[in-house]
Amino acid sequence: MKKAVLALLLIAPSISWAAKPAPNPADYTITVHVQASRLAQSHYVNLATVQQLTVVIDGKKYELEERYPGNDVLRVGDYKARIAEDKTQRAYEYQRTYEFLFPDGQIRQYYVVGEEQ
């Protein structure tokens, strides 16, 4: 019994690591041009400093925000992304989340908090 528990404990980290497949770059078909990146107080996380981005997607300007506190500023430039979530209950408003794929394979989600023409 002890051997079985020990064996399970030894392989558990590899099982959890293997359970999350790497993102497929072919799924990230949207090009997001980051024009500005800054740290600011969050709209969602009370008194937290988060990353806010001014971006252009398909010729339209958006303000995006990361919902997790941090101290890093994203470099300006082009990034690949996909729409992770898109909720539209009424024709005149929506909620959208973009998921960025970074060159090192990491992913991060940004929420639309503003839109310009």
Protein backbone atom coordinates (compact mmCIF):
# COMPACT_ATOMS: atom_id res chain seq x y z
CA MET A 1 0.00 0.00 0.00
CA LYS A 2 2.78 2.44 0.92
CA LYS A 3 4.57 1.66 -2.33
CA ALA A 4 1.44 2.39 -4.35
CA VAL A 5 0.96 5.75 -2.61
CA LEU A 6 4.62 6.62 -3.09
CA ALA A 7 4.45 5.70 -6.78
CA LEU A 8 1.34 7.84 -7.22
CA LEU A 9 3.02 10.79 -5.51
CA LEU A 10 6.06 10.44 -7.74
CA ILE A 11 4.10 10.39 -11.00
CA ALA A 12 1.44 12.97 -10.06
CA PRO A 13 3.54 16.00 -11.11
CA SER A 14 4.21 14.50 -14.53
CA ILE A 15 0.52 13.66 -14.99
CA SER A 16 -0.58 17.21 -14.16
CA TRP A 17 2.16 18.65 -16.39
CA ALA A 18 1.15 16.39 -19.27
CA ALA A 19 -2.56 17.13 -18.84
CA LYS A 20 -2.26 20.66 -20.23
CA PRO A 21 -1.34 20.52 -23.91
CA ALA A 22 0.76 23.24 -25.47
CA PRO A 23 -1.23 25.90 -27.34
CA ASN A 24 -1.50 25.37 -31.08
CA PRO A 25 -0.06 28.44 -32.87
CA ALA A 26 -2.46 27.82 -35.79
CA ASP A 27 -5.37 28.73 -33.47
CA TYR A 28 -3.99 32.25 -32.93
CA THR A 29 -4.99 33.89 -36.19
CA ILE A 30 -5.61 37.46 -35.02
CA THR A 31 -2.78 39.99 -35.19
CA VAL A 32 -2.88 42.46 -32.31
CA HIS A 33 -0.71 45.55 -32.65
CA VAL A 34 0.16 46.88 -29.19
CA GLN A 35 0.59 50.67 -29.45
CA ALA A 36 0.99 51.39 -25.73
CA SER A 37 1.44 49.41 -22.53
CA ARG A 38 1.24 50.76 -19.01
CA LEU A 39 0.70 49.77 -15.41
CA ALA A 40 -2.44 51.21 -13.86
CA GLN A 41 -5.04 50.55 -11.21
CA SER A 42 -7.37 47.78 -12.26
CA HIS A 43 -10.99 48.23 -13.23
CA TYR A 44 -11.68 44.79 -11.73
CA VAL A 45 -9.13 44.01 -9.03
CA ASN A 46 -9.48 46.55 -6.22
CA LEU A 47 -6.26 48.53 -5.57
CA ALA A 48 -4.20 46.21 -7.79
CA THR A 49 -1.70 47.29 -10.40
CA VAL A 50 -2.33 45.58 -13.72
CA GLN A 51 -1.19 45.88 -17.29
CA GLN A 52 -3.35 48.02 -19.61
CA LEU A 53 -2.83 48.00 -23.36
CA THR A 54 -3.85 50.27 -26.21
CA VAL A 55 -4.11 48.02 -29.26
CA VAL A 56 -5.28 47.93 -32.86
CA ILE A 57 -7.12 44.84 -34.09
CA ASP A 58 -8.35 44.77 -37.70
CA GLY A 59 -8.06 48.56 -37.91
CA LYS A 60 -10.09 49.20 -34.76
CA LYS A 61 -8.62 50.63 -31.54
CA TYR A 62 -9.27 48.90 -28.19
CA GLU A 63 -8.20 49.22 -24.58
CA LEU A 64 -7.36 45.85 -23.04
CA GLU A 65 -6.63 44.95 -19.44
CA GLU A 66 -5.12 41.96 -17.77
CA ARG A 67 -7.04 40.93 -14.65
CA TYR A 68 -4.07 39.59 -12.70
CA PRO A 69 -1.86 41.92 -10.69
CA GLY A 70 1.68 42.28 -11.91
CA ASN A 71 4.57 44.65 -12.47
CA ASP A 72 5.55 43.90 -16.07
CA VAL A 73 5.02 46.15 -19.07
CA LEU A 74 4.46 44.43 -22.42
CA ARG A 75 6.66 45.68 -25.23
CA VAL A 76 4.92 47.42 -28.13
CA GLY A 77 4.67 45.42 -31.33
CA ASP A 78 2.62 42.70 -32.99
CA TYR A 79 1.34 39.62 -31.17
CA LYS A 80 -0.75 36.65 -32.24
CA ALA A 81 -4.06 36.16 -30.45
CA ARG A 82 -7.42 34.44 -30.53
CA ILE A 83 -10.81 35.27 -29.06
CA ALA A 84 -11.08 33.22 -25.89
CA GLU A 85 -14.55 34.42 -24.95
CA ASP A 86 -17.16 36.55 -26.69
CA LYS A 87 -20.51 37.29 -25.03
CA THR A 88 -23.13 39.40 -26.76
CA GLN A 89 -26.52 39.64 -25.06
CA ARG A 90 -27.60 42.80 -26.86
CA ALA A 91 -26.62 44.13 -30.29
CA TYR A 92 -25.19 47.33 -28.76
CA GLU A 93 -22.81 45.86 -26.14
CA TYR A 94 -20.49 42.92 -25.60
CA GLN A 95 -17.82 41.28 -23.43
CA ARG A 96 -14.71 39.91 -25.13
CA THR A 97 -11.51 38.28 -23.99
CA TYR A 98 -8.43 37.97 -26.19
CA GLU A 99 -5.82 35.34 -25.46
CA PHE A 100 -2.30 36.27 -26.59
CA LEU A 101 0.28 33.67 -27.57
CA PHE A 102 3.81 34.84 -26.86
CA PRO A 103 6.95 33.66 -28.71
CA ASP A 104 7.98 31.45 -25.76
CA GLY A 105 4.65 29.56 -25.86
CA GLN A 106 3.15 31.32 -22.84
CA ILE A 107 -0.41 32.58 -23.04
CA ARG A 108 -2.12 35.47 -21.27
CA GLN A 109 -5.68 36.78 -21.36
CA TYR A 110 -6.68 40.41 -21.81
CA TYR A 111 -10.21 41.78 -21.46
CA VAL A 112 -11.71 44.53 -23.60
CA VAL A 113 -12.35 47.53 -21.34
CA GLY A 114 -12.69 50.19 -24.04
CA GLU A 115 -13.27 50.68 -27.74
CA GLU A 116 -12.67 53.57 -30.15
CA GLN A 117 -13.56 54.15 -33.75
